[in-house]
Amino acid sequence: MNPPPAPLVSVVTPCYNQALFLREAIESILAQAYPRIELVVVDDGSLDNTAAVVADYPLARCLRQENRGVAEARNVGFGATNGEYVLFVDADDRLAPNAVHAHLRCFAEHPEAGFVVGAIEHITGDGSYRGTPHSPVLESEQYEHLLKANHIANTIAVMFRRSVFEALGGFTGYFSPAEDYEFLLRAARAFPSAHHSTVVAYYRRHGTNTSRKGVIMLQAMRRVMRSQREIVRGNPRLEAAWRKGDNYWRDFFGGVTVKELHAHLGRGEMWQAVRALNALLLHVRSRLVALPWKYRARILAAVRRRFLGVDKVGTRRLGRSPAGR
């Protein structure tokens, strides 16, 4: 009797004005050693040549929609797939050559898992190696660990069973651009998972990454954490994990927002600076005193330069040196 065919694996790639990187993403997906892969690229209203790039690859399907955000793009892409398993790979990232094999091997070892998680590496804009974030290989209490910090780091590290995605109802745009973190929290709460240490994807760090936008991420992460508060209420262990995670995200994206505020002040972008300051006061609040001094010093230095006309040591900027030379 012939063995059953290998299961179909679906890959969904949302793309909004990322044609510059899209070709690398597509090629990394189609170059998988695994034989049965379908790829759906969702052009989320791009203004660049995204559709033309996809057209160069007959094995990739392109769906185009008006710009509705990455959450909806992923959901629409998933609806056009048929695979028993699904991966979400953003247009500026890449899959490792044996990613699908590694994930399916982990599923075979843990048939109870609803999703499996591998490791990722960071690359620069030009694709050079940048570093490997610490990703613990967890065996239990995945939801509790996710509450404390997103140890999974990115959905490109995850392969889901189709049934899990269908049961959860997809990504929720209300939490964008942290909709992937909220989805992972729901998945970890509802289904068992398994982790392995194989590098499965490369996350590209570049100037337009949403994670570099502190104000936007602060707002999104606060929405996500508020959504978990009632869920953990009454469970002391999960409440403690929630508090740790809430402080972690306020500190992390508080630091990113301080950098934004400093940059806006330096460029004289006062409306954006006020917006960043409001985000800090609203979402970080008392945690501002917990931020490293270097962040607070940046704000003070920028304020002195912008409003008092003095540099770091108090010298007034008049277009000439103190001695008049």
C-alpha atoms as a PDB file:
ATOM      1  CA  MET A   1       0.000   0.000   0.000  1.00  0.00           C
ATOM      2  CA  ASN A   2       1.318   3.453  -0.916  1.00  0.00           C
ATOM      3  CA  PRO A   3       2.114   5.798   1.996  1.00  0.00           C
ATOM      4  CA  PRO A   4      -0.201   8.796   2.422  1.00  0.00           C
ATOM      5  CA  PRO A   5       0.935  11.976   0.617  1.00  0.00           C
ATOM      6  CA  ALA A   6       2.903  14.540   2.554  1.00  0.00           C
ATOM      7  CA  PRO A   7       0.580  17.146   4.088  1.00  0.00           C
ATOM      8  CA  LEU A   8       0.177  20.436   2.261  1.00  0.00           C
ATOM      9  CA  VAL A   9       1.837  23.404   3.992  1.00  0.00           C
ATOM     10  CA  SER A  10       0.480  26.876   3.256  1.00  0.00           C
ATOM     11  CA  VAL A  11       2.537  30.059   3.527  1.00  0.00           C
ATOM     12  CA  VAL A  12       0.848  33.464   3.708  1.00  0.00           C
ATOM     13  CA  THR A  13       2.937  36.560   2.979  1.00  0.00           C
ATOM     14  CA  PRO A  14       1.322  39.974   3.484  1.00  0.00           C
ATOM     15  CA  CYS A  15       3.051  42.796   1.649  1.00  0.00           C
ATOM     16  CA  TYR A  16       2.607  46.546   1.824  1.00  0.00           C
ATOM     17  CA  ASN A  17       5.224  48.525  -0.103  1.00  0.00           C
ATOM     18  CA  GLN A  18       7.932  45.944   0.577  1.00  0.00           C
ATOM     19  CA  ALA A  19       8.670  44.894  -3.009  1.00  0.00           C
ATOM     20  CA  LEU A  20      12.334  45.673  -2.326  1.00  0.00           C
ATOM     21  CA  PHE A  21      12.528  42.629  -0.027  1.00  0.00           C
ATOM     22  CA  LEU A  22       9.657  40.519  -1.347  1.00  0.00           C
ATOM     23  CA  ARG A  23      11.698  38.613  -3.915  1.00  0.00           C
ATOM     24  CA  GLU A  24      14.012  37.241  -1.208  1.00  0.00           C
ATOM     25  CA  ALA A  25      11.030  36.184   0.894  1.00  0.00           C
ATOM     26  CA  ILE A  26       9.352  34.373  -1.992  1.00  0.00           C
ATOM     27  CA  GLU A  27      12.524  32.590  -3.048  1.00  0.00           C
ATOM     28  CA  SER A  28      13.224  31.448   0.506  1.00  0.00           C
ATOM     29  CA  ILE A  29       9.734  29.931   0.654  1.00  0.00           C
ATOM     30  CA  LEU A  30       9.786  28.246  -2.745  1.00  0.00           C
ATOM     31  CA  ALA A  31      13.309  26.919  -2.113  1.00  0.00           C
ATOM     32  CA  GLN A  32      12.181  24.765   0.823  1.00  0.00           C
ATOM     33  CA  ALA A  33      13.325  21.163   0.590  1.00  0.00           C
ATOM     34  CA  TYR A  34       9.791  20.102   1.494  1.00  0.00           C
ATOM     35  CA  PRO A  35       7.802  19.048  -1.622  1.00  0.00           C
ATOM     36  CA  ARG A  36       4.245  20.299  -0.945  1.00  0.00           C
ATOM     37  CA  ILE A  37       4.033  24.047  -0.351  1.00  0.00           C
ATOM     38  CA  GLU A  38       1.524  26.629  -1.542  1.00  0.00           C
ATOM     39  CA  LEU A  39       2.309  30.343  -1.310  1.00  0.00           C
ATOM     40  CA  VAL A  40      -0.248  33.147  -1.195  1.00  0.00           C
ATOM     41  CA  VAL A  41       1.032  36.737  -1.270  1.00  0.00           C
ATOM     42  CA  VAL A  42      -1.473  39.379  -0.219  1.00  0.00           C
ATOM     43  CA  ASP A  43      -0.767  42.757  -1.790  1.00  0.00           C
ATOM     44  CA  ASP A  44      -2.281  45.045   0.839  1.00  0.00           C
ATOM     45  CA  GLY A  45      -2.803  48.046  -1.426  1.00  0.00           C
ATOM     46  CA  SER A  46       0.895  48.560  -2.160  1.00  0.00           C
ATOM     47  CA  LEU A  47       1.954  51.581  -4.201  1.00  0.00           C
ATOM     48  CA  ASP A  48       5.127  49.896  -5.459  1.00  0.00           C
ATOM     49  CA  ASN A  49       5.664  46.990  -7.857  1.00  0.00           C
ATOM     50  CA  THR A  50       4.625  44.215  -5.464  1.00  0.00           C
ATOM     51  CA  ALA A  51       2.262  42.573  -7.975  1.00  0.00           C
ATOM     52  CA  ALA A  52       4.939  42.588 -10.683  1.00  0.00           C
ATOM     53  CA  VAL A  53       7.413  40.850  -8.380  1.00  0.00           C
ATOM     54  CA  VAL A  54       4.927  38.082  -7.541  1.00  0.00           C
ATOM     55  CA  ALA A  55       4.140  37.649 -11.250  1.00  0.00           C
ATOM     56  CA  ASP A  56       7.714  36.452 -11.796  1.00  0.00           C
ATOM     57  CA  TYR A  57       6.916  33.332  -9.736  1.00  0.00           C
ATOM     58  CA  PRO A  58       4.237  31.073 -11.289  1.00  0.00           C
ATOM     59  CA  LEU A  59       4.015  28.989  -8.097  1.00  0.00           C
ATOM     60  CA  ALA A  60       2.968  32.016  -6.043  1.00  0.00           C
ATOM     61  CA  ARG A  61      -0.576  33.376  -6.033  1.00  0.00           C
ATOM     62  CA  CYS A  62      -1.146  37.108  -5.546  1.00  0.00           C
ATOM     63  CA  LEU A  63      -4.304  38.512  -3.954  1.00  0.00           C
ATOM     64  CA  ARG A  64      -4.764  42.266  -4.050  1.00  0.00           C
ATOM     65  CA  GLN A  65      -6.896  44.321  -1.694  1.00  0.00           C
ATOM     66  CA  GLU A  66      -7.196  47.916  -0.593  1.00  0.00           C
ATOM     67  CA  ASN A  67      -4.897  48.720   2.290  1.00  0.00           C
ATOM     68  CA  ARG A  68      -6.514  47.201   5.385  1.00  0.00           C
ATOM     69  CA  GLY A  69      -3.496  46.361   7.501  1.00  0.00           C
ATOM     70  CA  VAL A  70      -1.423  43.295   8.124  1.00  0.00           C
ATOM     71  CA  ALA A  71      -3.968  41.532  10.364  1.00  0.00           C
ATOM     72  CA  GLU A  72      -6.643  41.560   7.692  1.00  0.00           C
ATOM     73  CA  ALA A  73      -4.103  40.720   4.983  1.00  0.00           C
ATOM     74  CA  ARG A  74      -3.070  37.590   6.879  1.00  0.00           C
ATOM     75  CA  ASN A  75      -6.680  36.586   7.454  1.00  0.00           C
ATOM     76  CA  VAL A  76      -7.568  37.045   3.781  1.00  0.00           C
ATOM     77  CA  GLY A  77      -4.501  35.090   2.731  1.00  0.00           C
ATOM     78  CA  PHE A  78      -5.336  32.250   5.073  1.00  0.00           C
ATOM     79  CA  GLY A  79      -8.848  32.078   3.641  1.00  0.00           C
ATOM     80  CA  ALA A  80      -7.361  31.388   0.202  1.00  0.00           C
ATOM     81  CA  THR A  81      -5.204  28.477   1.384  1.00  0.00           C
ATOM     82  CA  ASN A  82      -5.861  24.764   1.734  1.00  0.00           C
ATOM     83  CA  GLY A  83      -2.920  23.462   3.753  1.00  0.00           C
ATOM     84  CA  GLU A  84      -3.129  21.335   6.869  1.00  0.00           C
ATOM     85  CA  TYR A  85      -0.401  23.556   8.334  1.00  0.00           C
ATOM     86  CA  VAL A  86       0.185  27.290   7.875  1.00  0.00           C
ATOM     87  CA  LEU A  87       3.104  29.698   8.204  1.00  0.00           C
ATOM     88  CA  PHE A  88       2.985  33.502   8.139  1.00  0.00           C
ATOM     89  CA  VAL A  89       6.101  35.071   6.627  1.00  0.00           C
ATOM     90  CA  ASP A  90       6.267  38.849   6.257  1.00  0.00           C
ATOM     91  CA  ALA A  91       7.538  40.264   2.969  1.00  0.00           C
ATOM     92  CA  ASP A  92      10.751  41.640   4.478  1.00  0.00           C
ATOM     93  CA  ASP A  93      11.733  38.389   6.228  1.00  0.00           C
ATOM     94  CA  ARG A  94      13.044  35.032   5.004  1.00  0.00           C
ATOM     95  CA  LEU A  95      12.554  31.366   5.821  1.00  0.00           C
ATOM     96  CA  ALA A  96      15.549  29.166   6.594  1.00  0.00           C
ATOM     97  CA  PRO A  97      16.072  26.384   3.996  1.00  0.00           C
ATOM     98  CA  ASN A  98      14.830  23.546   6.224  1.00  0.00           C
ATOM     99  CA  ALA A  99      12.183  25.473   8.170  1.00  0.00           C
ATOM    100  CA  VAL A 100       9.193  23.409   7.066  1.00  0.00           C
ATOM    101  CA  HIS A 101      10.977  20.096   7.656  1.00  0.00           C
ATOM    102  CA  ALA A 102      12.060  21.203  11.141  1.00  0.00           C
ATOM    103  CA  HIS A 103       8.557  22.277  12.125  1.00  0.00           C
ATOM    104  CA  LEU A 104       6.919  19.102  10.818  1.00  0.00           C
ATOM    105  CA  ARG A 105       9.499  16.981  12.623  1.00  0.00           C
ATOM    106  CA  CYS A 106       8.562  18.770  15.849  1.00  0.00           C
ATOM    107  CA  PHE A 107       4.862  18.127  15.163  1.00  0.00           C
ATOM    108  CA  ALA A 108       5.639  14.433  14.634  1.00  0.00           C
ATOM    109  CA  GLU A 109       7.401  14.321  17.999  1.00  0.00           C
ATOM    110  CA  HIS A 110       4.570  16.241  19.708  1.00  0.00           C
ATOM    111  CA  PRO A 111       1.310  15.225  18.009  1.00  0.00           C
ATOM    112  CA  GLU A 112      -0.704  16.948  20.743  1.00  0.00           C
ATOM    113  CA  ALA A 113       0.692  20.389  19.797  1.00  0.00           C
ATOM    114  CA  GLY A 114      -1.515  22.945  18.135  1.00  0.00           C
ATOM    115  CA  PHE A 115       1.501  24.948  17.034  1.00  0.00           C
ATOM    116  CA  VAL A 116       5.269  24.610  17.115  1.00  0.00           C
ATOM    117  CA  VAL A 117       7.940  27.251  17.598  1.00  0.00           C
ATOM    118  CA  GLY A 118      11.507  27.387  16.295  1.00  0.00           C
ATOM    119  CA  ALA A 119      14.342  29.872  16.615  1.00  0.00           C
ATOM    120  CA  ILE A 120      15.088  32.945  14.488  1.00  0.00           C
ATOM    121  CA  GLU A 121      18.117  35.027  13.615  1.00  0.00           C
ATOM    122  CA  HIS A 122      18.227  38.760  12.978  1.00  0.00           C
ATOM    123  CA  ILE A 123      19.576  40.116   9.694  1.00  0.00           C
ATOM    124  CA  THR A 124      20.269  43.663   8.529  1.00  0.00           C
ATOM    125  CA  GLY A 125      18.577  45.482   5.680  1.00  0.00           C
ATOM    126  CA  ASP A 126      21.056  44.048   3.200  1.00  0.00           C
ATOM    127  CA  GLY A 127      20.606  40.506   4.535  1.00  0.00           C
ATOM    128  CA  SER A 128      23.798  40.287   6.611  1.00  0.00           C
ATOM    129  CA  TYR A 129      23.768  38.396   9.902  1.00  0.00           C
ATOM    130  CA  ARG A 130      23.041  40.668  12.842  1.00  0.00           C
ATOM    131  CA  GLY A 131      22.517  38.416  15.836  1.00  0.00           C
ATOM    132  CA  THR A 132      20.524  35.640  17.468  1.00  0.00           C
ATOM    133  CA  PRO A 133      17.987  36.583  20.141  1.00  0.00           C
ATOM    134  CA  HIS A 134      17.669  34.316  23.153  1.00  0.00           C
ATOM    135  CA  SER A 135      14.665  32.049  22.632  1.00  0.00           C
ATOM    136  CA  PRO A 136      14.076  29.507  25.407  1.00  0.00           C
ATOM    137  CA  VAL A 137      12.906  26.030  24.415  1.00  0.00           C
ATOM    138  CA  LEU A 138       9.856  25.765  26.656  1.00  0.00           C
ATOM    139  CA  GLU A 139       8.216  22.522  27.726  1.00  0.00           C
ATOM    140  CA  SER A 140       5.253  23.871  29.706  1.00  0.00           C
ATOM    141  CA  GLU A 141       3.415  26.985  30.922  1.00  0.00           C
ATOM    142  CA  GLN A 142       3.726  28.674  27.534  1.00  0.00           C
ATOM    143  CA  TYR A 143       0.919  31.158  28.215  1.00  0.00           C
ATOM    144  CA  GLU A 144       2.477  32.242  31.502  1.00  0.00           C
ATOM    145  CA  HIS A 145       5.854  32.752  29.831  1.00  0.00           C
ATOM    146  CA  LEU A 146       4.280  34.713  26.982  1.00  0.00           C
ATOM    147  CA  LEU A 147       2.590  37.020  29.468  1.00  0.00           C
ATOM    148  CA  LYS A 148       5.980  37.910  30.941  1.00  0.00           C
ATOM    149  CA  ALA A 149       7.574  38.682  27.568  1.00  0.00           C
ATOM    150  CA  ASN A 150       7.149  37.586  23.983  1.00  0.00           C
ATOM    151  CA  HIS A 151       9.842  34.905  23.962  1.00  0.00           C
ATOM    152  CA  ILE A 152       8.572  33.715  20.568  1.00  0.00           C
ATOM    153  CA  ALA A 153       9.535  37.155  19.220  1.00  0.00           C
ATOM    154  CA  ASN A 154       7.723  36.876  15.896  1.00  0.00           C
ATOM    155  CA  THR A 155       5.103  34.745  14.143  1.00  0.00           C
ATOM    156  CA  ILE A 156       7.691  33.818  11.480  1.00  0.00           C
ATOM    157  CA  ALA A 157       9.054  31.381  14.080  1.00  0.00           C
ATOM    158  CA  VAL A 158       5.721  29.531  14.315  1.00  0.00           C
ATOM    159  CA  MET A 159       3.868  26.886  12.313  1.00  0.00           C
ATOM    160  CA  PHE A 160       0.171  26.427  13.152  1.00  0.00           C
ATOM    161  CA  ARG A 161      -2.217  23.595  12.514  1.00  0.00           C
ATOM    162  CA  ARG A 162      -4.986  24.875  10.274  1.00  0.00           C
ATOM    163  CA  SER A 163      -7.583  23.787  12.832  1.00  0.00           C
ATOM    164  CA  VAL A 164      -6.006  26.069  15.456  1.00  0.00           C
ATOM    165  CA  PHE A 165      -6.226  29.140  13.261  1.00  0.00           C
ATOM    166  CA  GLU A 166      -9.820  28.334  12.342  1.00  0.00           C
ATOM    167  CA  ALA A 167     -10.783  27.817  15.985  1.00  0.00           C
ATOM    168  CA  LEU A 168      -9.236  31.133  17.075  1.00  0.00           C
ATOM    169  CA  GLY A 169     -10.783  33.149  14.267  1.00  0.00           C
ATOM    170  CA  GLY A 170      -7.615  34.755  12.969  1.00  0.00           C
ATOM    171  CA  PHE A 171      -5.795  37.975  13.809  1.00  0.00           C
ATOM    172  CA  THR A 172      -7.621  40.953  15.324  1.00  0.00           C
ATOM    173  CA  GLY A 173      -6.935  44.345  13.756  1.00  0.00           C
ATOM    174  CA  TYR A 174      -7.850  46.197  16.975  1.00  0.00           C
ATOM    175  CA  PHE A 175      -4.517  45.116  18.453  1.00  0.00           C
ATOM    176  CA  SER A 176      -2.437  46.072  15.395  1.00  0.00           C
ATOM    177  CA  PRO A 177       0.521  46.316  15.096  1.00  0.00           C
ATOM    178  CA  ALA A 178       0.780  43.916  18.054  1.00  0.00           C
ATOM    179  CA  GLU A 179      -1.916  41.617  16.677  1.00  0.00           C
ATOM    180  CA  ASP A 180       0.565  38.766  16.327  1.00  0.00           C
ATOM    181  CA  TYR A 181       1.426  38.878  20.044  1.00  0.00           C
ATOM    182  CA  GLU A 182      -2.255  38.896  20.997  1.00  0.00           C
ATOM    183  CA  PHE A 183      -2.908  35.959  18.663  1.00  0.00           C
ATOM    184  CA  LEU A 184      -0.033  33.991  20.199  1.00  0.00           C
ATOM    185  CA  LEU A 185      -1.411  34.639  23.677  1.00  0.00           C
ATOM    186  CA  ARG A 186      -4.799  33.284  22.603  1.00  0.00           C
ATOM    187  CA  ALA A 187      -3.172  30.273  20.957  1.00  0.00           C
ATOM    188  CA  ALA A 188      -0.992  29.482  23.984  1.00  0.00           C
ATOM    189  CA  ARG A 189      -3.967  29.755  26.307  1.00  0.00           C
ATOM    190  CA  ALA A 190      -6.162  27.452  24.229  1.00  0.00           C
ATOM    191  CA  PHE A 191      -3.758  24.872  22.794  1.00  0.00           C
ATOM    192  CA  PRO A 192      -0.595  23.004  23.809  1.00  0.00           C
ATOM    193  CA  SER A 193       2.538  23.844  21.868  1.00  0.00           C
ATOM    194  CA  ALA A 194       6.025  22.500  21.376  1.00  0.00           C
ATOM    195  CA  HIS A 195       9.330  24.297  20.923  1.00  0.00           C
ATOM    196  CA  HIS A 196      12.525  23.341  19.134  1.00  0.00           C
ATOM    197  CA  SER A 197      15.891  25.044  18.688  1.00  0.00           C
ATOM    198  CA  THR A 198      16.296  24.877  14.896  1.00  0.00           C
ATOM    199  CA  VAL A 199      16.635  28.280  13.196  1.00  0.00           C
ATOM    200  CA  VAL A 200      13.593  28.529  10.945  1.00  0.00           C
ATOM    201  CA  ALA A 201      13.549  32.180   9.849  1.00  0.00           C
ATOM    202  CA  TYR A 202      15.497  35.397   9.489  1.00  0.00           C
ATOM    203  CA  TYR A 203      13.933  38.589  10.835  1.00  0.00           C
ATOM    204  CA  ARG A 204      15.119  41.659   8.951  1.00  0.00           C
ATOM    205  CA  ARG A 205      15.926  44.732  11.049  1.00  0.00           C
ATOM    206  CA  HIS A 206      15.699  47.934   9.043  1.00  0.00           C
ATOM    207  CA  GLY A 207      14.639  51.565   9.404  1.00  0.00           C
ATOM    208  CA  THR A 208      10.937  51.039   8.709  1.00  0.00           C
ATOM    209  CA  ASN A 209      10.289  48.158  11.144  1.00  0.00           C
ATOM    210  CA  THR A 210       7.114  48.873  13.082  1.00  0.00           C
ATOM    211  CA  SER A 211       8.859  47.753  16.283  1.00  0.00           C
ATOM    212  CA  ARG A 212      10.982  50.919  16.025  1.00  0.00           C
ATOM    213  CA  LYS A 213       7.864  53.116  16.310  1.00  0.00           C
ATOM    214  CA  GLY A 214       7.591  53.560  20.047  1.00  0.00           C
ATOM    215  CA  VAL A 215       4.376  55.571  20.261  1.00  0.00           C
ATOM    216  CA  ILE A 216       2.447  53.156  18.063  1.00  0.00           C
ATOM    217  CA  MET A 217       3.824  50.088  19.826  1.00  0.00           C
ATOM    218  CA  LEU A 218       3.188  51.495  23.310  1.00  0.00           C
ATOM    219  CA  GLN A 219      -0.465  52.027  22.453  1.00  0.00           C
ATOM    220  CA  ALA A 220      -0.824  48.599  20.865  1.00  0.00           C
ATOM    221  CA  MET A 221       0.907  46.704  23.663  1.00  0.00           C
ATOM    222  CA  ARG A 222      -1.209  48.434  26.283  1.00  0.00           C
ATOM    223  CA  ARG A 223      -4.341  47.288  24.425  1.00  0.00           C
ATOM    224  CA  VAL A 224      -3.020  43.735  24.346  1.00  0.00           C
ATOM    225  CA  MET A 225      -2.122  43.672  28.023  1.00  0.00           C
ATOM    226  CA  ARG A 226      -5.464  45.167  29.054  1.00  0.00           C
ATOM    227  CA  SER A 227      -7.183  42.392  27.092  1.00  0.00           C
ATOM    228  CA  GLN A 228      -5.439  39.803  29.302  1.00  0.00           C
ATOM    229  CA  ARG A 229      -6.156  41.424  32.669  1.00  0.00           C
ATOM    230  CA  GLU A 230      -9.592  39.908  33.236  1.00  0.00           C
ATOM    231  CA  ILE A 231      -8.411  36.539  31.949  1.00  0.00           C
ATOM    232  CA  VAL A 232      -5.712  36.221  34.600  1.00  0.00           C
ATOM    233  CA  ARG A 233      -7.687  37.784  37.449  1.00  0.00           C
ATOM    234  CA  GLY A 234      -7.939  35.421  40.421  1.00  0.00           C
ATOM    235  CA  ASN A 235      -4.901  33.347  39.456  1.00  0.00           C
ATOM    236  CA  PRO A 236      -1.970  34.644  41.568  1.00  0.00           C
ATOM    237  CA  ARG A 237       0.699  33.073  39.359  1.00  0.00           C
ATOM    238  CA  LEU A 238      -0.741  34.473  36.148  1.00  0.00           C
ATOM    239  CA  GLU A 239      -1.430  37.845  37.766  1.00  0.00           C
ATOM    240  CA  ALA A 240       2.253  38.045  38.727  1.00  0.00           C
ATOM    241  CA  ALA A 241       3.250  37.101  35.180  1.00  0.00           C
ATOM    242  CA  TRP A 242       0.893  39.769  33.816  1.00  0.00           C
ATOM    243  CA  ARG A 243       2.395  42.475  36.040  1.00  0.00           C
ATOM    244  CA  LYS A 244       5.898  41.493  34.987  1.00  0.00           C
ATOM    245  CA  GLY A 245       4.931  41.580  31.330  1.00  0.00           C
ATOM    246  CA  ASP A 246       3.075  44.870  31.632  1.00  0.00           C
ATOM    247  CA  ASN A 247       6.127  46.503  33.206  1.00  0.00           C
ATOM    248  CA  TYR A 248       8.435  44.878  30.664  1.00  0.00           C
ATOM    249  CA  TRP A 249       6.568  46.303  27.670  1.00  0.00           C
ATOM    250  CA  ARG A 250       6.209  49.757  29.235  1.00  0.00           C
ATOM    251  CA  ASP A 251       9.951  49.836  29.914  1.00  0.00           C
ATOM    252  CA  PHE A 252      10.931  48.428  26.511  1.00  0.00           C
ATOM    253  CA  PHE A 253       8.767  50.581  24.280  1.00  0.00           C
ATOM    254  CA  GLY A 254       9.106  53.478  26.712  1.00  0.00           C
ATOM    255  CA  GLY A 255      12.799  53.460  25.831  1.00  0.00           C
ATOM    256  CA  VAL A 256      11.979  53.335  22.110  1.00  0.00           C
ATOM    257  CA  THR A 257       9.569  56.251  22.544  1.00  0.00           C
ATOM    258  CA  VAL A 258      12.188  58.299  24.367  1.00  0.00           C
ATOM    259  CA  LYS A 259      14.474  57.859  21.360  1.00  0.00           C
ATOM    260  CA  GLU A 260      11.628  59.066  19.140  1.00  0.00           C
ATOM    261  CA  LEU A 261      10.999  62.071  21.366  1.00  0.00           C
ATOM    262  CA  HIS A 262      14.684  62.959  21.329  1.00  0.00           C
ATOM    263  CA  ALA A 263      14.819  62.713  17.533  1.00  0.00           C
ATOM    264  CA  HIS A 264      11.692  64.844  17.081  1.00  0.00           C
ATOM    265  CA  LEU A 265      13.010  67.556  19.383  1.00  0.00           C
ATOM    266  CA  GLY A 266      16.327  67.550  17.573  1.00  0.00           C
ATOM    267  CA  ARG A 267      14.571  68.085  14.232  1.00  0.00           C
ATOM    268  CA  GLY A 268      12.173  70.689  15.586  1.00  0.00           C
ATOM    269  CA  GLU A 269       9.142  68.434  14.987  1.00  0.00           C
ATOM    270  CA  MET A 270       7.163  69.773  17.906  1.00  0.00           C
ATOM    271  CA  TRP A 271       3.795  68.146  17.190  1.00  0.00           C
ATOM    272  CA  GLN A 272       5.415  64.702  16.961  1.00  0.00           C
ATOM    273  CA  ALA A 273       7.451  65.432  20.106  1.00  0.00           C
ATOM    274  CA  VAL A 274       4.319  66.350  22.048  1.00  0.00           C
ATOM    275  CA  ARG A 275       2.637  63.163  20.799  1.00  0.00           C
ATOM    276  CA  ALA A 276       5.573  61.073  22.013  1.00  0.00           C
ATOM    277  CA  LEU A 277       5.607  62.834  25.380  1.00  0.00           C
ATOM    278  CA  ASN A 278       1.868  62.261  25.800  1.00  0.00           C
ATOM    279  CA  ALA A 279       2.353  58.561  25.058  1.00  0.00           C
ATOM    280  CA  LEU A 280       5.026  58.336  27.740  1.00  0.00           C
ATOM    281  CA  LEU A 281       2.863  60.096  30.317  1.00  0.00           C
ATOM    282  CA  LEU A 282      -0.227  58.045  29.447  1.00  0.00           C
ATOM    283  CA  HIS A 283       1.252  54.566  29.052  1.00  0.00           C
ATOM    284  CA  VAL A 284       4.595  54.529  30.892  1.00  0.00           C
ATOM    285  CA  ARG A 285       3.669  56.861  33.759  1.00  0.00           C
ATOM    286  CA  SER A 286       5.595  56.051  36.932  1.00  0.00           C
ATOM    287  CA  ARG A 287       7.778  53.565  35.037  1.00  0.00           C
ATOM    288  CA  LEU A 288       9.593  56.569  33.559  1.00  0.00           C
ATOM    289  CA  VAL A 289      11.794  56.607  36.656  1.00  0.00           C
ATOM    290  CA  ALA A 290      12.734  52.988  35.930  1.00  0.00           C
ATOM    291  CA  LEU A 291      14.061  53.795  32.463  1.00  0.00           C
ATOM    292  CA  PRO A 292      17.857  53.907  32.155  1.00  0.00           C
ATOM    293  CA  TRP A 293      19.317  57.346  32.849  1.00  0.00           C
ATOM    294  CA  LYS A 294      20.687  57.568  29.302  1.00  0.00           C
ATOM    295  CA  TYR A 295      17.118  57.799  27.973  1.00  0.00           C
ATOM    296  CA  ARG A 296      16.071  60.507  30.403  1.00  0.00           C
ATOM    297  CA  ALA A 297      19.322  62.366  29.764  1.00  0.00           C
ATOM    298  CA  ARG A 298      18.582  62.406  26.040  1.00  0.00           C
ATOM    299  CA  ILE A 299      15.263  64.150  26.644  1.00  0.00           C
ATOM    300  CA  LEU A 300      16.788  66.731  28.986  1.00  0.00           C
ATOM    301  CA  ALA A 301      19.615  67.461  26.558  1.00  0.00           C
ATOM    302  CA  ALA A 302      17.221  67.853  23.642  1.00  0.00           C
ATOM    303  CA  VAL A 303      14.940  70.158  25.647  1.00  0.00           C
ATOM    304  CA  ARG A 304      17.902  72.332  26.638  1.00  0.00           C
ATOM    305  CA  ARG A 305      19.045  72.609  23.048  1.00  0.00           C
ATOM    306  CA  ARG A 306      15.590  73.263  21.645  1.00  0.00           C
ATOM    307  CA  PHE A 307      14.155  75.661  24.200  1.00  0.00           C
ATOM    308  CA  LEU A 308      17.127  77.111  26.083  1.00  0.00           C
ATOM    309  CA  GLY A 309      19.669  77.157  23.289  1.00  0.00           C
ATOM    310  CA  VAL A 310      22.342  75.478  25.407  1.00  0.00           C
ATOM    311  CA  ASP A 311      24.368  72.378  24.781  1.00  0.00           C
ATOM    312  CA  LYS A 312      25.232  69.560  27.191  1.00  0.00           C
ATOM    313  CA  VAL A 313      27.627  71.637  29.290  1.00  0.00           C
ATOM    314  CA  GLY A 314      25.420  74.721  29.328  1.00  0.00           C
ATOM    315  CA  THR A 315      27.169  76.700  26.551  1.00  0.00           C
ATOM    316  CA  ARG A 316      24.641  78.931  24.752  1.00  0.00           C
ATOM    317  CA  ARG A 317      24.413  78.246  21.012  1.00  0.00           C
ATOM    318  CA  LEU A 318      24.862  81.593  19.259  1.00  0.00           C
ATOM    319  CA  GLY A 319      26.638  80.352  16.146  1.00  0.00           C
ATOM    320  CA  ARG A 320      30.087  81.080  17.618  1.00  0.00           C
ATOM    321  CA  SER A 321      32.366  79.780  20.361  1.00  0.00           C
ATOM    322  CA  PRO A 322      32.283  81.260  23.919  1.00  0.00           C
ATOM    323  CA  ALA A 323      35.483  83.168  23.143  1.00  0.00           C
ATOM    324  CA  GLY A 324      33.916  84.842  20.131  1.00  0.00           C
ATOM    325  CA  ARG A 325      36.052  82.983  17.559  1.00  0.00           C
END
